[in-house]
Amino acid sequence: MDEGKAIKLSEDAIKNISEKPPLESEAKKVGGAEQTELAEQLLADKTKEELRGLRQDIDERKIYASKAFTMLCCWLVGVFVVVLLQGFFATGPTSSLNGFSSPFFRLPDSVLLALLGGTTAGVISIFAIVANYLFPKK
């Protein structure tokens, strides 16, 4: 291709580029379509993020519900062990050995009642707090 022909082609390309701009109505039409497309994309992105957040909430709820249940079970087993020890060893001998108290496990009734009442209140309140956190009212 000769040099003159290449110059002619580039001049024609520049002329096509520098011709008059599109009509205002046509520009508004194209701009409105782009704006609508952008709004739809933003809405789709927002929906995706909301769904991701809900999935994360569900996963976290499963984890915390499991941990709360495990903790409450351990707490109740501990109280049960204390009550069993109190029941089995409360009737043992009360002798002292060289000034030390009896080797048997004993709790006064007031301490036992406080332990059971406090544990029951604690278990119920922790369960209520965790349930309110995991399953909020909407």
C-alpha atoms as a PDB file:
ATOM      1  CA  MET A   1       0.000   0.000   0.000  1.00  0.00           C
ATOM      2  CA  ASP A   2       1.406   3.295  -0.942  1.00  0.00           C
ATOM      3  CA  GLU A   3       1.817   6.246   1.337  1.00  0.00           C
ATOM      4  CA  GLY A   4      -0.811   8.417  -0.357  1.00  0.00           C
ATOM      5  CA  LYS A   5      -3.511   5.812   0.051  1.00  0.00           C
ATOM      6  CA  ALA A   6      -2.688   5.362   3.757  1.00  0.00           C
ATOM      7  CA  ILE A   7      -2.907   9.109   4.321  1.00  0.00           C
ATOM      8  CA  LYS A   8      -6.274   9.229   2.535  1.00  0.00           C
ATOM      9  CA  LEU A   9      -7.640   6.416   4.734  1.00  0.00           C
ATOM     10  CA  SER A  10      -6.461   8.108   7.927  1.00  0.00           C
ATOM     11  CA  GLU A  11      -7.972  11.444   6.811  1.00  0.00           C
ATOM     12  CA  ASP A  12     -11.295   9.701   6.131  1.00  0.00           C
ATOM     13  CA  ALA A  13     -11.189   8.055   9.577  1.00  0.00           C
ATOM     14  CA  ILE A  14     -10.481  11.404  11.255  1.00  0.00           C
ATOM     15  CA  LYS A  15     -13.280  13.044   9.260  1.00  0.00           C
ATOM     16  CA  ASN A  16     -15.744  10.319  10.372  1.00  0.00           C
ATOM     17  CA  ILE A  17     -14.718  10.794  13.980  1.00  0.00           C
ATOM     18  CA  SER A  18     -14.972  14.551  13.936  1.00  0.00           C
ATOM     19  CA  GLU A  19     -18.372  14.717  12.297  1.00  0.00           C
ATOM     20  CA  LYS A  20     -21.296  16.118  14.234  1.00  0.00           C
ATOM     21  CA  PRO A  21     -22.213  14.596  17.618  1.00  0.00           C
ATOM     22  CA  PRO A  22     -25.343  12.473  18.045  1.00  0.00           C
ATOM     23  CA  LEU A  23     -28.676  14.184  18.523  1.00  0.00           C
ATOM     24  CA  GLU A  24     -29.635  15.118  22.062  1.00  0.00           C
ATOM     25  CA  SER A  25     -32.668  12.834  22.064  1.00  0.00           C
ATOM     26  CA  GLU A  26     -30.528   9.923  20.894  1.00  0.00           C
ATOM     27  CA  ALA A  27     -27.904  10.668  23.576  1.00  0.00           C
ATOM     28  CA  LYS A  28     -30.598  10.792  26.295  1.00  0.00           C
ATOM     29  CA  LYS A  29     -32.010   7.498  25.078  1.00  0.00           C
ATOM     30  CA  VAL A  30     -28.604   5.785  25.214  1.00  0.00           C
ATOM     31  CA  GLY A  31     -27.746   7.435  28.550  1.00  0.00           C
ATOM     32  CA  GLY A  32     -31.104   6.427  30.058  1.00  0.00           C
ATOM     33  CA  ALA A  33     -30.562   2.823  29.014  1.00  0.00           C
ATOM     34  CA  GLU A  34     -27.094   2.819  30.570  1.00  0.00           C
ATOM     35  CA  GLN A  35     -28.466   4.355  33.765  1.00  0.00           C
ATOM     36  CA  THR A  36     -31.225   1.735  33.966  1.00  0.00           C
ATOM     37  CA  GLU A  37     -28.688  -1.028  33.384  1.00  0.00           C
ATOM     38  CA  LEU A  38     -26.446   0.377  36.134  1.00  0.00           C
ATOM     39  CA  ALA A  39     -29.378   0.599  38.568  1.00  0.00           C
ATOM     40  CA  GLU A  40     -30.321  -3.031  37.834  1.00  0.00           C
ATOM     41  CA  GLN A  41     -26.714  -4.133  38.372  1.00  0.00           C
ATOM     42  CA  LEU A  42     -26.529  -2.271  41.691  1.00  0.00           C
ATOM     43  CA  LEU A  43     -29.786  -3.864  42.831  1.00  0.00           C
ATOM     44  CA  ALA A  44     -28.502  -7.310  41.854  1.00  0.00           C
ATOM     45  CA  ASP A  45     -25.243  -6.681  43.778  1.00  0.00           C
ATOM     46  CA  LYS A  46     -27.189  -5.508  46.821  1.00  0.00           C
ATOM     47  CA  THR A  47     -29.361  -8.626  46.728  1.00  0.00           C
ATOM     48  CA  LYS A  48     -26.280 -10.858  46.465  1.00  0.00           C
ATOM     49  CA  GLU A  49     -24.715  -9.180  49.499  1.00  0.00           C
ATOM     50  CA  GLU A  50     -27.925  -9.511  51.514  1.00  0.00           C
ATOM     51  CA  LEU A  51     -28.085 -13.219  50.683  1.00  0.00           C
ATOM     52  CA  ARG A  52     -24.419 -13.660  51.620  1.00  0.00           C
ATOM     53  CA  GLY A  53     -25.104 -11.947  54.943  1.00  0.00           C
ATOM     54  CA  LEU A  54     -28.111 -14.178  55.624  1.00  0.00           C
ATOM     55  CA  ARG A  55     -26.068 -17.302  54.856  1.00  0.00           C
ATOM     56  CA  GLN A  56     -23.341 -16.118  57.205  1.00  0.00           C
ATOM     57  CA  ASP A  57     -25.932 -15.436  59.933  1.00  0.00           C
ATOM     58  CA  ILE A  58     -27.335 -18.956  59.544  1.00  0.00           C
ATOM     59  CA  ASP A  59     -23.860 -20.510  59.766  1.00  0.00           C
ATOM     60  CA  GLU A  60     -23.007 -18.456  62.853  1.00  0.00           C
ATOM     61  CA  ARG A  61     -26.333 -19.351  64.475  1.00  0.00           C
ATOM     62  CA  LYS A  62     -25.557 -23.037  64.045  1.00  0.00           C
ATOM     63  CA  ILE A  63     -22.132 -22.617  65.633  1.00  0.00           C
ATOM     64  CA  TYR A  64     -23.308 -20.524  68.591  1.00  0.00           C
ATOM     65  CA  ALA A  65     -26.392 -22.658  69.203  1.00  0.00           C
ATOM     66  CA  SER A  66     -24.182 -25.740  69.385  1.00  0.00           C
ATOM     67  CA  LYS A  67     -21.726 -24.056  71.745  1.00  0.00           C
ATOM     68  CA  ALA A  68     -24.490 -22.722  73.996  1.00  0.00           C
ATOM     69  CA  PHE A  69     -26.121 -26.140  74.155  1.00  0.00           C
ATOM     70  CA  THR A  70     -22.805 -27.802  75.032  1.00  0.00           C
ATOM     71  CA  MET A  71     -22.069 -25.252  77.752  1.00  0.00           C
ATOM     72  CA  LEU A  72     -25.529 -25.607  79.287  1.00  0.00           C
ATOM     73  CA  CYS A  73     -25.262 -29.407  79.264  1.00  0.00           C
ATOM     74  CA  CYS A  74     -21.870 -29.277  80.996  1.00  0.00           C
ATOM     75  CA  TRP A  75     -23.225 -26.826  83.552  1.00  0.00           C
ATOM     76  CA  LEU A  76     -26.210 -29.047  84.326  1.00  0.00           C
ATOM     77  CA  VAL A  77     -24.022 -32.152  84.559  1.00  0.00           C
ATOM     78  CA  GLY A  78     -21.794 -30.309  87.043  1.00  0.00           C
ATOM     79  CA  VAL A  79     -24.774 -29.396  89.218  1.00  0.00           C
ATOM     80  CA  PHE A  80     -26.042 -32.961  88.986  1.00  0.00           C
ATOM     81  CA  VAL A  81     -22.667 -34.277  90.167  1.00  0.00           C
ATOM     82  CA  VAL A  82     -22.688 -31.858  93.113  1.00  0.00           C
ATOM     83  CA  VAL A  83     -26.177 -32.964  94.084  1.00  0.00           C
ATOM     84  CA  LEU A  84     -25.199 -36.638  93.789  1.00  0.00           C
ATOM     85  CA  LEU A  85     -22.130 -36.102  95.925  1.00  0.00           C
ATOM     86  CA  GLN A  86     -24.225 -34.280  98.486  1.00  0.00           C
ATOM     87  CA  GLY A  87     -26.796 -37.064  98.516  1.00  0.00           C
ATOM     88  CA  PHE A  88     -24.382 -39.970  98.792  1.00  0.00           C
ATOM     89  CA  PHE A  89     -21.900 -38.517 101.224  1.00  0.00           C
ATOM     90  CA  ALA A  90     -24.111 -36.402 103.460  1.00  0.00           C
ATOM     91  CA  THR A  91     -24.869 -39.369 105.709  1.00  0.00           C
ATOM     92  CA  GLY A  92     -21.213 -40.393 106.278  1.00  0.00           C
ATOM     93  CA  PRO A  93     -19.361 -40.115 109.573  1.00  0.00           C
ATOM     94  CA  THR A  94     -18.576 -36.665 110.892  1.00  0.00           C
ATOM     95  CA  SER A  95     -15.376 -37.432 112.754  1.00  0.00           C
ATOM     96  CA  SER A  96     -12.362 -35.177 112.535  1.00  0.00           C
ATOM     97  CA  LEU A  97      -8.917 -36.497 111.820  1.00  0.00           C
ATOM     98  CA  ASN A  98      -6.139 -34.535 113.579  1.00  0.00           C
ATOM     99  CA  GLY A  99      -8.203 -31.342 113.536  1.00  0.00           C
ATOM    100  CA  PHE A 100      -9.214 -31.644 109.870  1.00  0.00           C
ATOM    101  CA  SER A 101     -12.821 -31.975 108.839  1.00  0.00           C
ATOM    102  CA  SER A 102     -14.426 -35.092 107.518  1.00  0.00           C
ATOM    103  CA  PRO A 103     -13.214 -36.408 104.151  1.00  0.00           C
ATOM    104  CA  PHE A 104     -16.819 -36.593 102.999  1.00  0.00           C
ATOM    105  CA  PHE A 105     -18.327 -33.959 100.754  1.00  0.00           C
ATOM    106  CA  ARG A 106     -20.976 -31.886 102.520  1.00  0.00           C
ATOM    107  CA  LEU A 107     -22.848 -28.723 101.771  1.00  0.00           C
ATOM    108  CA  PRO A 108     -25.179 -26.913 104.119  1.00  0.00           C
ATOM    109  CA  ASP A 109     -28.766 -26.806 102.941  1.00  0.00           C
ATOM    110  CA  SER A 110     -28.581 -23.058 102.323  1.00  0.00           C
ATOM    111  CA  VAL A 111     -25.563 -23.471 100.023  1.00  0.00           C
ATOM    112  CA  LEU A 112     -27.228 -26.326  98.158  1.00  0.00           C
ATOM    113  CA  LEU A 113     -30.402 -24.274  97.656  1.00  0.00           C
ATOM    114  CA  ALA A 114     -28.382 -21.277  96.466  1.00  0.00           C
ATOM    115  CA  LEU A 115     -26.429 -23.495  94.069  1.00  0.00           C
ATOM    116  CA  LEU A 116     -29.529 -25.042  92.572  1.00  0.00           C
ATOM    117  CA  GLY A 117     -31.454 -21.766  92.392  1.00  0.00           C
ATOM    118  CA  GLY A 118     -28.550 -19.794  90.966  1.00  0.00           C
ATOM    119  CA  THR A 119     -27.730 -22.465  88.436  1.00  0.00           C
ATOM    120  CA  THR A 120     -31.319 -22.752  87.323  1.00  0.00           C
ATOM    121  CA  ALA A 121     -31.616 -18.975  86.927  1.00  0.00           C
ATOM    122  CA  GLY A 122     -28.296 -18.832  85.098  1.00  0.00           C
ATOM    123  CA  VAL A 123     -29.179 -21.630  82.716  1.00  0.00           C
ATOM    124  CA  ILE A 124     -32.551 -20.096  81.895  1.00  0.00           C
ATOM    125  CA  SER A 125     -31.142 -16.589  81.423  1.00  0.00           C
ATOM    126  CA  ILE A 126     -28.239 -17.722  79.239  1.00  0.00           C
ATOM    127  CA  PHE A 127     -30.587 -19.805  77.132  1.00  0.00           C
ATOM    128  CA  ALA A 128     -32.962 -16.824  76.756  1.00  0.00           C
ATOM    129  CA  ILE A 129     -30.114 -14.460  75.799  1.00  0.00           C
ATOM    130  CA  VAL A 130     -28.682 -16.864  73.241  1.00  0.00           C
ATOM    131  CA  ALA A 131     -32.122 -17.614  71.804  1.00  0.00           C
ATOM    132  CA  ASN A 132     -32.889 -13.876  71.474  1.00  0.00           C
ATOM    133  CA  TYR A 133     -29.563 -13.305  69.741  1.00  0.00           C
ATOM    134  CA  LEU A 134     -29.845 -16.273  67.413  1.00  0.00           C
ATOM    135  CA  PHE A 135     -33.481 -15.795  66.533  1.00  0.00           C
ATOM    136  CA  PRO A 136     -34.347 -12.077  66.790  1.00  0.00           C
ATOM    137  CA  LYS A 137     -37.910 -10.934  66.336  1.00  0.00           C
ATOM    138  CA  LYS A 138     -38.338  -9.189  63.022  1.00  0.00           C
END
